[in-house]
């Protein structure tokens, strides 16, 4: 489990370029750094469920990103909160 307050990078991966898939990680945060706010629990992997495959339970996190690092507009202190499954998150050692 990733502890709250840990900085993480979202994997810069594009599985949709390799064939049919169901991805719940927004493209605009791939490769970006955010902060884990909380562990929401463990849930079946929706990327498998979408195709009727057996789904491993994966940790799901609230990850906070600074808006100014993702796109223009809004206030400088705006944040974005996204639910992201653990396999998409990389921690630095």
PDB file of N, CA and C in Angstrom:
ATOM      1  N   UNK A   1       0.841  -1.180   0.000  1.00  0.00           N
ATOM      2  CA  UNK A   1       0.000   0.000   0.000  1.00  0.00           C
ATOM      3  C   UNK A   1       0.887   1.245   0.000  1.00  0.00           C
ATOM      4  N   UNK A   2       0.449   2.277  -0.694  1.00  0.00           N
ATOM      5  CA  UNK A   2       1.179   3.538  -0.752  1.00  0.00           C
ATOM      6  C   UNK A   2       0.615   4.463   0.324  1.00  0.00           C
ATOM      7  N   UNK A   3       1.480   5.018   1.132  1.00  0.00           N
ATOM      8  CA  UNK A   3       1.060   5.857   2.256  1.00  0.00           C
ATOM      9  C   UNK A   3       0.585   7.230   1.788  1.00  0.00           C
ATOM     10  N   UNK A   4      -0.416   7.777   2.464  1.00  0.00           N
ATOM     11  CA  UNK A   4      -0.830   9.148   2.162  1.00  0.00           C
ATOM     12  C   UNK A   4       0.357  10.099   2.278  1.00  0.00           C
ATOM     13  N   UNK A   5       0.394  11.078   1.376  1.00  0.00           N
ATOM     14  CA  UNK A   5       1.487  12.042   1.356  1.00  0.00           C
ATOM     15  C   UNK A   5       2.632  11.656   0.440  1.00  0.00           C
ATOM     16  N   UNK A   6       2.623  10.415  -0.069  1.00  0.00           N
ATOM     17  CA  UNK A   6       3.686   9.953  -0.953  1.00  0.00           C
ATOM     18  C   UNK A   6       3.524  10.558  -2.337  1.00  0.00           C
ATOM     19  N   UNK A   7       4.616  11.087  -2.888  1.00  0.00           N
ATOM     20  CA  UNK A   7       4.584  11.562  -4.267  1.00  0.00           C
ATOM     21  C   UNK A   7       4.722  10.367  -5.194  1.00  0.00           C
ATOM     22  N   UNK A   8       3.917  10.364  -6.237  1.00  0.00           N
ATOM     23  CA  UNK A   8       3.922   9.267  -7.202  1.00  0.00           C
ATOM     24  C   UNK A   8       3.925   9.841  -8.614  1.00  0.00           C
ATOM     25  N   UNK A   9       4.431   9.043  -9.528  1.00  0.00           N
ATOM     26  CA  UNK A   9       4.336   9.378 -10.950  1.00  0.00           C
ATOM     27  C   UNK A   9       3.387   8.366 -11.571  1.00  0.00           C
ATOM     28  N   UNK A  10       2.464   8.866 -12.385  1.00  0.00           N
ATOM     29  CA  UNK A  10       1.566   7.985 -13.115  1.00  0.00           C
ATOM     30  C   UNK A  10       2.352   7.410 -14.297  1.00  0.00           C
ATOM     31  N   UNK A  11       2.277   6.097 -14.464  1.00  0.00           N
ATOM     32  CA  UNK A  11       2.996   5.455 -15.570  1.00  0.00           C
ATOM     33  C   UNK A  11       2.663   6.141 -16.884  1.00  0.00           C
ATOM     34  N   UNK A  12       3.683   6.375 -17.688  1.00  0.00           N
ATOM     35  CA  UNK A  12       3.494   6.962 -19.013  1.00  0.00           C
ATOM     36  C   UNK A  12       3.368   5.810 -20.001  1.00  0.00           C
ATOM     37  N   UNK A  13       2.225   5.140 -19.932  1.00  0.00           N
ATOM     38  CA  UNK A  13       1.961   3.947 -20.732  1.00  0.00           C
ATOM     39  C   UNK A  13       0.702   4.196 -21.552  1.00  0.00           C
ATOM     40  N   UNK A  14       0.657   3.632 -22.737  1.00  0.00           N
ATOM     41  CA  UNK A  14      -0.464   3.838 -23.655  1.00  0.00           C
ATOM     42  C   UNK A  14      -0.933   2.495 -24.196  1.00  0.00           C
ATOM     43  N   UNK A  15      -1.530   1.639 -23.346  1.00  0.00           N
ATOM     44  CA  UNK A  15      -1.954   0.313 -23.792  1.00  0.00           C
ATOM     45  C   UNK A  15      -2.971   0.352 -24.922  1.00  0.00           C
ATOM     46  N   UNK A  16      -3.716   1.445 -25.037  1.00  0.00           N
ATOM     47  CA  UNK A  16      -4.708   1.528 -26.111  1.00  0.00           C
ATOM     48  C   UNK A  16      -4.065   1.544 -27.502  1.00  0.00           C
ATOM     49  N   UNK A  17      -2.758   1.811 -27.576  1.00  0.00           N
ATOM     50  CA  UNK A  17      -2.069   1.757 -28.870  1.00  0.00           C
ATOM     51  C   UNK A  17      -1.689   0.331 -29.255  1.00  0.00           C
ATOM     52  N   UNK A  18      -1.845  -0.614 -28.301  1.00  0.00           N
ATOM     53  CA  UNK A  18      -1.458  -2.007 -28.549  1.00  0.00           C
ATOM     54  C   UNK A  18      -2.655  -2.900 -28.835  1.00  0.00           C
ATOM     55  N   UNK A  19      -3.854  -2.345 -28.845  1.00  0.00           N
ATOM     56  CA  UNK A  19      -5.028  -3.160 -29.120  1.00  0.00           C
ATOM     57  C   UNK A  19      -6.185  -2.777 -28.222  1.00  0.00           C
ATOM     58  N   UNK A  20      -7.286  -3.508 -28.359  1.00  0.00           N
ATOM     59  CA  UNK A  20      -8.477  -3.178 -27.572  1.00  0.00           C
ATOM     60  C   UNK A  20      -8.193  -3.260 -26.067  1.00  0.00           C
ATOM     61  N   UNK A  21      -8.666  -2.252 -25.351  1.00  0.00           N
ATOM     62  CA  UNK A  21      -8.484  -2.226 -23.902  1.00  0.00           C
ATOM     63  C   UNK A  21      -9.494  -1.264 -23.298  1.00  0.00           C
ATOM     64  N   UNK A  22      -9.568  -1.297 -21.994  1.00  0.00           N
ATOM     65  CA  UNK A  22     -10.448  -0.404 -21.242  1.00  0.00           C
ATOM     66  C   UNK A  22      -9.581   0.254 -20.180  1.00  0.00           C
ATOM     67  N   UNK A  23      -9.235   1.516 -20.373  1.00  0.00           N
ATOM     68  CA  UNK A  23      -8.318   2.209 -19.475  1.00  0.00           C
ATOM     69  C   UNK A  23      -9.077   3.258 -18.685  1.00  0.00           C
ATOM     70  N   UNK A  24      -8.906   3.239 -17.362  1.00  0.00           N
ATOM     71  CA  UNK A  24      -9.588   4.214 -16.503  1.00  0.00           C
ATOM     72  C   UNK A  24      -8.653   5.330 -16.055  1.00  0.00           C
ATOM     73  N   UNK A  25      -7.395   5.300 -16.484  1.00  0.00           N
ATOM     74  CA  UNK A  25      -6.443   6.342 -16.100  1.00  0.00           C
ATOM     75  C   UNK A  25      -6.446   7.425 -17.175  1.00  0.00           C
ATOM     76  N   UNK A  26      -6.833   8.648 -16.812  1.00  0.00           N
ATOM     77  CA  UNK A  26      -6.904   9.712 -17.822  1.00  0.00           C
ATOM     78  C   UNK A  26      -5.564   9.954 -18.508  1.00  0.00           C
ATOM     79  N   UNK A  27      -5.625  10.198 -19.806  1.00  0.00           N
ATOM     80  CA  UNK A  27      -4.398  10.410 -20.573  1.00  0.00           C
ATOM     81  C   UNK A  27      -3.630  11.642 -20.100  1.00  0.00           C
ATOM     82  N   UNK A  28      -4.324  12.660 -19.612  1.00  0.00           N
ATOM     83  CA  UNK A  28      -3.658  13.914 -19.261  1.00  0.00           C
ATOM     84  C   UNK A  28      -2.842  13.833 -17.969  1.00  0.00           C
ATOM     85  N   UNK A  29      -2.920  12.724 -17.218  1.00  0.00           N
ATOM     86  CA  UNK A  29      -2.067  12.583 -16.033  1.00  0.00           C
ATOM     87  C   UNK A  29      -0.966  11.543 -16.232  1.00  0.00           C
ATOM     88  N   UNK A  30      -0.950  10.871 -17.366  1.00  0.00           N
ATOM     89  CA  UNK A  30       0.098   9.874 -17.592  1.00  0.00           C
ATOM     90  C   UNK A  30       1.451  10.568 -17.694  1.00  0.00           C
ATOM     91  N   UNK A  31       2.395  10.087 -16.894  1.00  0.00           N
ATOM     92  CA  UNK A  31       3.727  10.690 -16.833  1.00  0.00           C
ATOM     93  C   UNK A  31       3.830  11.839 -15.844  1.00  0.00           C
ATOM     94  N   UNK A  32       2.719  12.232 -15.239  1.00  0.00           N
ATOM     95  CA  UNK A  32       2.705  13.381 -14.314  1.00  0.00           C
ATOM     96  C   UNK A  32       2.913  12.933 -12.863  1.00  0.00           C
ATOM     97  N   UNK A  33       3.343  13.882 -12.037  1.00  0.00           N
ATOM     98  CA  UNK A  33       3.578  13.621 -10.618  1.00  0.00           C
ATOM     99  C   UNK A  33       2.421  14.182  -9.800  1.00  0.00           C
ATOM    100  N   UNK A  34       1.947  13.371  -8.863  1.00  0.00           N
ATOM    101  CA  UNK A  34       0.887  13.780  -7.950  1.00  0.00           C
ATOM    102  C   UNK A  34       1.197  13.292  -6.552  1.00  0.00           C
ATOM    103  N   UNK A  35       0.276  13.522  -5.647  1.00  0.00           N
ATOM    104  CA  UNK A  35       0.432  13.120  -4.253  1.00  0.00           C
ATOM    105  C   UNK A  35      -0.742  12.239  -3.842  1.00  0.00           C
ATOM    106  N   UNK A  36      -0.442  11.093  -3.264  1.00  0.00           N
ATOM    107  CA  UNK A  36      -1.494  10.206  -2.761  1.00  0.00           C
ATOM    108  C   UNK A  36      -2.134  10.858  -1.540  1.00  0.00           C
ATOM    109  N   UNK A  37      -3.453  10.993  -1.573  1.00  0.00           N
ATOM    110  CA  UNK A  37      -4.170  11.539  -0.421  1.00  0.00           C
ATOM    111  C   UNK A  37      -4.709  10.441   0.482  1.00  0.00           C
ATOM    112  N   UNK A  38      -5.217   9.360  -0.152  1.00  0.00           N
ATOM    113  CA  UNK A  38      -5.765   8.266   0.674  1.00  0.00           C
ATOM    114  C   UNK A  38      -5.922   7.007  -0.163  1.00  0.00           C
ATOM    115  N   UNK A  39      -5.870   5.883   0.539  1.00  0.00           N
ATOM    116  CA  UNK A  39      -6.182   4.573  -0.038  1.00  0.00           C
ATOM    117  C   UNK A  39      -7.683   4.398   0.117  1.00  0.00           C
ATOM    118  N   UNK A  40      -8.384   4.102  -0.972  1.00  0.00           N
ATOM    119  CA  UNK A  40      -9.845   4.005  -0.952  1.00  0.00           C
ATOM    120  C   UNK A  40     -10.351   2.586  -0.729  1.00  0.00           C
ATOM    121  N   UNK A  41      -9.448   1.614  -0.767  1.00  0.00           N
ATOM    122  CA  UNK A  41      -9.820   0.210  -0.650  1.00  0.00           C
ATOM    123  C   UNK A  41      -9.262  -0.561  -1.826  1.00  0.00           C
ATOM    124  N   UNK A  42      -9.568  -1.853  -1.865  1.00  0.00           N
ATOM    125  CA  UNK A  42      -9.119  -2.718  -2.954  1.00  0.00           C
ATOM    126  C   UNK A  42     -10.340  -3.184  -3.730  1.00  0.00           C
ATOM    127  N   UNK A  43     -10.266  -3.091  -5.055  1.00  0.00           N
ATOM    128  CA  UNK A  43     -11.410  -3.373  -5.916  1.00  0.00           C
ATOM    129  C   UNK A  43     -10.978  -4.199  -7.124  1.00  0.00           C
ATOM    130  N   UNK A  44     -11.894  -4.979  -7.708  1.00  0.00           N
ATOM    131  CA  UNK A  44     -11.553  -5.736  -8.918  1.00  0.00           C
ATOM    132  C   UNK A  44     -11.101  -4.792 -10.029  1.00  0.00           C
ATOM    133  N   UNK A  45     -10.096  -5.207 -10.761  1.00  0.00           N
ATOM    134  CA  UNK A  45      -9.519  -4.405 -11.840  1.00  0.00           C
ATOM    135  C   UNK A  45     -10.548  -4.192 -12.959  1.00  0.00           C
ATOM    136  N   UNK A  46     -11.032  -2.958 -13.164  1.00  0.00           N
ATOM    137  CA  UNK A  46     -12.030  -2.710 -14.200  1.00  0.00           C
ATOM    138  C   UNK A  46     -11.490  -2.926 -15.607  1.00  0.00           C
ATOM    139  N   UNK A  47     -10.168  -2.881 -15.766  1.00  0.00           N
ATOM    140  CA  UNK A  47      -9.581  -3.106 -17.083  1.00  0.00           C
ATOM    141  C   UNK A  47      -9.757  -4.562 -17.513  1.00  0.00           C
ATOM    142  N   UNK A  48      -9.909  -5.473 -16.564  1.00  0.00           N
ATOM    143  CA  UNK A  48     -10.219  -6.877 -16.858  1.00  0.00           C
ATOM    144  C   UNK A  48     -11.728  -7.112 -16.891  1.00  0.00           C
ATOM    145  N   UNK A  49     -12.438  -6.519 -15.938  1.00  0.00           N
ATOM    146  CA  UNK A  49     -13.888  -6.709 -15.873  1.00  0.00           C
ATOM    147  C   UNK A  49     -14.582  -6.291 -17.170  1.00  0.00           C
ATOM    148  N   UNK A  50     -14.068  -5.259 -17.816  1.00  0.00           N
ATOM    149  CA  UNK A  50     -14.683  -4.763 -19.049  1.00  0.00           C
ATOM    150  C   UNK A  50     -14.715  -5.826 -20.143  1.00  0.00           C
ATOM    151  N   UNK A  51     -13.808  -6.797 -20.067  1.00  0.00           N
ATOM    152  CA  UNK A  51     -13.737  -7.857 -21.079  1.00  0.00           C
ATOM    153  C   UNK A  51     -14.182  -9.206 -20.531  1.00  0.00           C
ATOM    154  N   UNK A  52     -14.788  -9.207 -19.344  1.00  0.00           N
ATOM    155  CA  UNK A  52     -15.284 -10.444 -18.759  1.00  0.00           C
ATOM    156  C   UNK A  52     -14.192 -11.387 -18.290  1.00  0.00           C
ATOM    157  N   UNK A  53     -12.989 -10.857 -18.043  1.00  0.00           N
ATOM    158  CA  UNK A  53     -11.875 -11.679 -17.570  1.00  0.00           C
ATOM    159  C   UNK A  53     -11.861 -11.696 -16.040  1.00  0.00           C
ATOM    160  N   UNK A  54     -11.294 -12.735 -15.443  1.00  0.00           N
ATOM    161  CA  UNK A  54     -11.121 -12.721 -13.991  1.00  0.00           C
ATOM    162  C   UNK A  54     -10.318 -11.478 -13.594  1.00  0.00           C
ATOM    163  N   UNK A  55     -10.743 -10.815 -12.545  1.00  0.00           N
ATOM    164  CA  UNK A  55     -10.134  -9.538 -12.178  1.00  0.00           C
ATOM    165  C   UNK A  55      -9.502  -9.602 -10.798  1.00  0.00           C
ATOM    166  N   UNK A  56      -8.214  -9.345 -10.768  1.00  0.00           N
ATOM    167  CA  UNK A  56      -7.478  -9.252  -9.511  1.00  0.00           C
ATOM    168  C   UNK A  56      -7.942  -8.005  -8.750  1.00  0.00           C
ATOM    169  N   UNK A  57      -7.982  -8.089  -7.425  1.00  0.00           N
ATOM    170  CA  UNK A  57      -8.311  -6.917  -6.609  1.00  0.00           C
ATOM    171  C   UNK A  57      -7.061  -6.040  -6.512  1.00  0.00           C
ATOM    172  N   UNK A  58      -7.244  -4.755  -6.802  1.00  0.00           N
ATOM    173  CA  UNK A  58      -6.130  -3.806  -6.811  1.00  0.00           C
ATOM    174  C   UNK A  58      -6.436  -2.636  -5.883  1.00  0.00           C
ATOM    175  N   UNK A  59      -5.383  -2.055  -5.294  1.00  0.00           N
ATOM    176  CA  UNK A  59      -5.606  -0.877  -4.455  1.00  0.00           C
ATOM    177  C   UNK A  59      -5.996   0.327  -5.321  1.00  0.00           C
ATOM    178  N   UNK A  60      -6.942   1.098  -4.807  1.00  0.00           N
ATOM    179  CA  UNK A  60      -7.402   2.305  -5.498  1.00  0.00           C
ATOM    180  C   UNK A  60      -7.085   3.506  -4.604  1.00  0.00           C
ATOM    181  N   UNK A  61      -6.554   4.566  -5.204  1.00  0.00           N
ATOM    182  CA  UNK A  61      -6.099   5.734  -4.455  1.00  0.00           C
ATOM    183  C   UNK A  61      -6.724   7.017  -4.983  1.00  0.00           C
ATOM    184  N   UNK A  62      -6.890   7.980  -4.081  1.00  0.00           N
ATOM    185  CA  UNK A  62      -7.135   9.361  -4.484  1.00  0.00           C
ATOM    186  C   UNK A  62      -5.763   9.989  -4.658  1.00  0.00           C
ATOM    187  N   UNK A  63      -5.496  10.515  -5.857  1.00  0.00           N
ATOM    188  CA  UNK A  63      -4.222  11.172  -6.140  1.00  0.00           C
ATOM    189  C   UNK A  63      -4.519  12.608  -6.531  1.00  0.00           C
ATOM    190  N   UNK A  64      -3.823  13.528  -5.904  1.00  0.00           N
ATOM    191  CA  UNK A  64      -4.029  14.958  -6.134  1.00  0.00           C
ATOM    192  C   UNK A  64      -2.928  15.499  -7.044  1.00  0.00           C
ATOM    193  N   UNK A  65      -3.335  16.312  -8.018  1.00  0.00           N
ATOM    194  CA  UNK A  65      -2.417  16.942  -8.959  1.00  0.00           C
ATOM    195  C   UNK A  65      -2.646  18.447  -8.932  1.00  0.00           C
ATOM    196  N   UNK A  66      -1.591  19.197  -9.127  1.00  0.00           N
ATOM    197  CA  UNK A  66      -1.716  20.646  -9.277  1.00  0.00           C
ATOM    198  C   UNK A  66      -2.210  20.934 -10.691  1.00  0.00           C
ATOM    199  N   UNK A  67      -3.228  21.751 -10.812  1.00  0.00           N
ATOM    200  CA  UNK A  67      -3.822  22.063 -12.107  1.00  0.00           C
ATOM    201  C   UNK A  67      -2.814  22.694 -13.062  1.00  0.00           C
ATOM    202  N   UNK A  68      -1.965  23.581 -12.557  1.00  0.00           N
ATOM    203  CA  UNK A  68      -1.062  24.304 -13.458  1.00  0.00           C
ATOM    204  C   UNK A  68      -0.075  23.393 -14.161  1.00  0.00           C
ATOM    205  N   UNK A  69       0.145  22.211 -13.672  1.00  0.00           N
ATOM    206  CA  UNK A  69       1.039  21.274 -14.346  1.00  0.00           C
ATOM    207  C   UNK A  69       0.359  20.485 -15.451  1.00  0.00           C
ATOM    208  N   UNK A  70      -0.978  20.556 -15.516  1.00  0.00           N
ATOM    209  CA  UNK A  70      -1.719  19.730 -16.464  1.00  0.00           C
ATOM    210  C   UNK A  70      -2.289  20.522 -17.635  1.00  0.00           C
ATOM    211  N   UNK A  71      -2.833  21.719 -17.361  1.00  0.00           N
ATOM    212  CA  UNK A  71      -3.388  22.539 -18.444  1.00  0.00           C
ATOM    213  C   UNK A  71      -3.576  23.968 -17.977  1.00  0.00           C
ATOM    214  N   UNK A  72      -3.811  24.855 -18.941  1.00  0.00           N
ATOM    215  CA  UNK A  72      -4.022  26.271 -18.655  1.00  0.00           C
ATOM    216  C   UNK A  72      -5.446  26.506 -18.171  1.00  0.00           C
ATOM    217  N   UNK A  73      -5.658  27.655 -17.561  1.00  0.00           N
ATOM    218  CA  UNK A  73      -6.983  28.035 -17.097  1.00  0.00           C
ATOM    219  C   UNK A  73      -7.142  27.781 -15.619  1.00  0.00           C
ATOM    220  N   UNK A  74      -8.189  28.380 -15.050  1.00  0.00           N
ATOM    221  CA  UNK A  74      -8.443  28.211 -13.628  1.00  0.00           C
ATOM    222  C   UNK A  74      -7.520  29.065 -12.791  1.00  0.00           C
ATOM    223  N   UNK A  75      -7.586  28.858 -11.498  1.00  0.00           N
ATOM    224  CA  UNK A  75      -6.732  29.595 -10.561  1.00  0.00           C
ATOM    225  C   UNK A  75      -5.431  28.834 -10.341  1.00  0.00           C
ATOM    226  N   UNK A  76      -4.401  29.548  -9.988  1.00  0.00           N
ATOM    227  CA  UNK A  76      -3.077  28.944  -9.786  1.00  0.00           C
ATOM    228  C   UNK A  76      -3.073  27.914  -8.667  1.00  0.00           C
ATOM    229  N   UNK A  77      -3.978  28.044  -7.690  1.00  0.00           N
ATOM    230  CA  UNK A  77      -3.983  27.108  -6.558  1.00  0.00           C
ATOM    231  C   UNK A  77      -5.010  25.983  -6.716  1.00  0.00           C
ATOM    232  N   UNK A  78      -5.597  25.842  -7.908  1.00  0.00           N
ATOM    233  CA  UNK A  78      -6.555  24.758  -8.156  1.00  0.00           C
ATOM    234  C   UNK A  78      -5.852  23.406  -8.160  1.00  0.00           C
ATOM    235  N   UNK A  79      -6.536  22.403  -7.609  1.00  0.00           N
ATOM    236  CA  UNK A  79      -6.044  21.030  -7.617  1.00  0.00           C
ATOM    237  C   UNK A  79      -7.049  20.147  -8.339  1.00  0.00           C
ATOM    238  N   UNK A  80      -6.564  19.004  -8.790  1.00  0.00           N
ATOM    239  CA  UNK A  80      -7.402  18.001  -9.434  1.00  0.00           C
ATOM    240  C   UNK A  80      -7.249  16.714  -8.638  1.00  0.00           C
ATOM    241  N   UNK A  81      -8.359  16.072  -8.305  1.00  0.00           N
ATOM    242  CA  UNK A  81      -8.352  14.832  -7.537  1.00  0.00           C
ATOM    243  C   UNK A  81      -8.873  13.711  -8.432  1.00  0.00           C
ATOM    244  N   UNK A  82      -8.075  12.653  -8.590  1.00  0.00           N
ATOM    245  CA  UNK A  82      -8.417  11.558  -9.492  1.00  0.00           C
ATOM    246  C   UNK A  82      -8.255  10.231  -8.758  1.00  0.00           C
ATOM    247  N   UNK A  83      -9.164   9.298  -9.022  1.00  0.00           N
ATOM    248  CA  UNK A  83      -9.034   7.935  -8.500  1.00  0.00           C
ATOM    249  C   UNK A  83      -8.192   7.134  -9.491  1.00  0.00           C
ATOM    250  N   UNK A  84      -7.093   6.555  -8.990  1.00  0.00           N
ATOM    251  CA  UNK A  84      -6.170   5.811  -9.851  1.00  0.00           C
ATOM    252  C   UNK A  84      -5.800   4.502  -9.157  1.00  0.00           C
ATOM    253  N   UNK A  85      -5.822   3.418  -9.918  1.00  0.00           N
ATOM    254  CA  UNK A  85      -5.444   2.108  -9.383  1.00  0.00           C
ATOM    255  C   UNK A  85      -3.923   2.007  -9.229  1.00  0.00           C
ATOM    256  N   UNK A  86      -3.506   1.281  -8.206  1.00  0.00           N
ATOM    257  CA  UNK A  86      -2.109   1.137  -7.822  1.00  0.00           C
ATOM    258  C   UNK A  86      -1.134   0.776  -8.921  1.00  0.00           C
ATOM    259  N   UNK A  87      -1.460  -0.170  -9.839  1.00  0.00           N
ATOM    260  CA  UNK A  87      -0.480  -0.530 -10.857  1.00  0.00           C
ATOM    261  C   UNK A  87      -0.080   0.619 -11.787  1.00  0.00           C
ATOM    262  N   UNK A  88      -0.860   1.666 -11.816  1.00  0.00           N
ATOM    263  CA  UNK A  88      -0.528   2.831 -12.646  1.00  0.00           C
ATOM    264  C   UNK A  88       0.414   3.798 -11.936  1.00  0.00           C
ATOM    265  N   UNK A  89       0.692   3.566 -10.650  1.00  0.00           N
ATOM    266  CA  UNK A  89       1.482   4.518  -9.876  1.00  0.00           C
ATOM    267  C   UNK A  89       2.888   3.988  -9.603  1.00  0.00           C
ATOM    268  N   UNK A  90       3.859   4.867  -9.799  1.00  0.00           N
ATOM    269  CA  UNK A  90       5.254   4.541  -9.535  1.00  0.00           C
ATOM    270  C   UNK A  90       5.752   5.452  -8.426  1.00  0.00           C
ATOM    271  N   UNK A  91       6.401   4.865  -7.427  1.00  0.00           N
ATOM    272  CA  UNK A  91       6.992   5.651  -6.358  1.00  0.00           C
ATOM    273  C   UNK A  91       8.493   5.707  -6.583  1.00  0.00           C
ATOM    274  N   UNK A  92       9.114   6.799  -6.134  1.00  0.00           N
ATOM    275  CA  UNK A  92      10.571   6.885  -6.242  1.00  0.00           C
ATOM    276  C   UNK A  92      11.168   6.335  -4.967  1.00  0.00           C
ATOM    277  N   UNK A  93      12.259   5.637  -5.107  1.00  0.00           N
ATOM    278  CA  UNK A  93      12.914   5.008  -3.940  1.00  0.00           C
ATOM    279  C   UNK A  93      13.890   5.943  -3.294  1.00  0.00           C
TER     280      UNK A  93
END
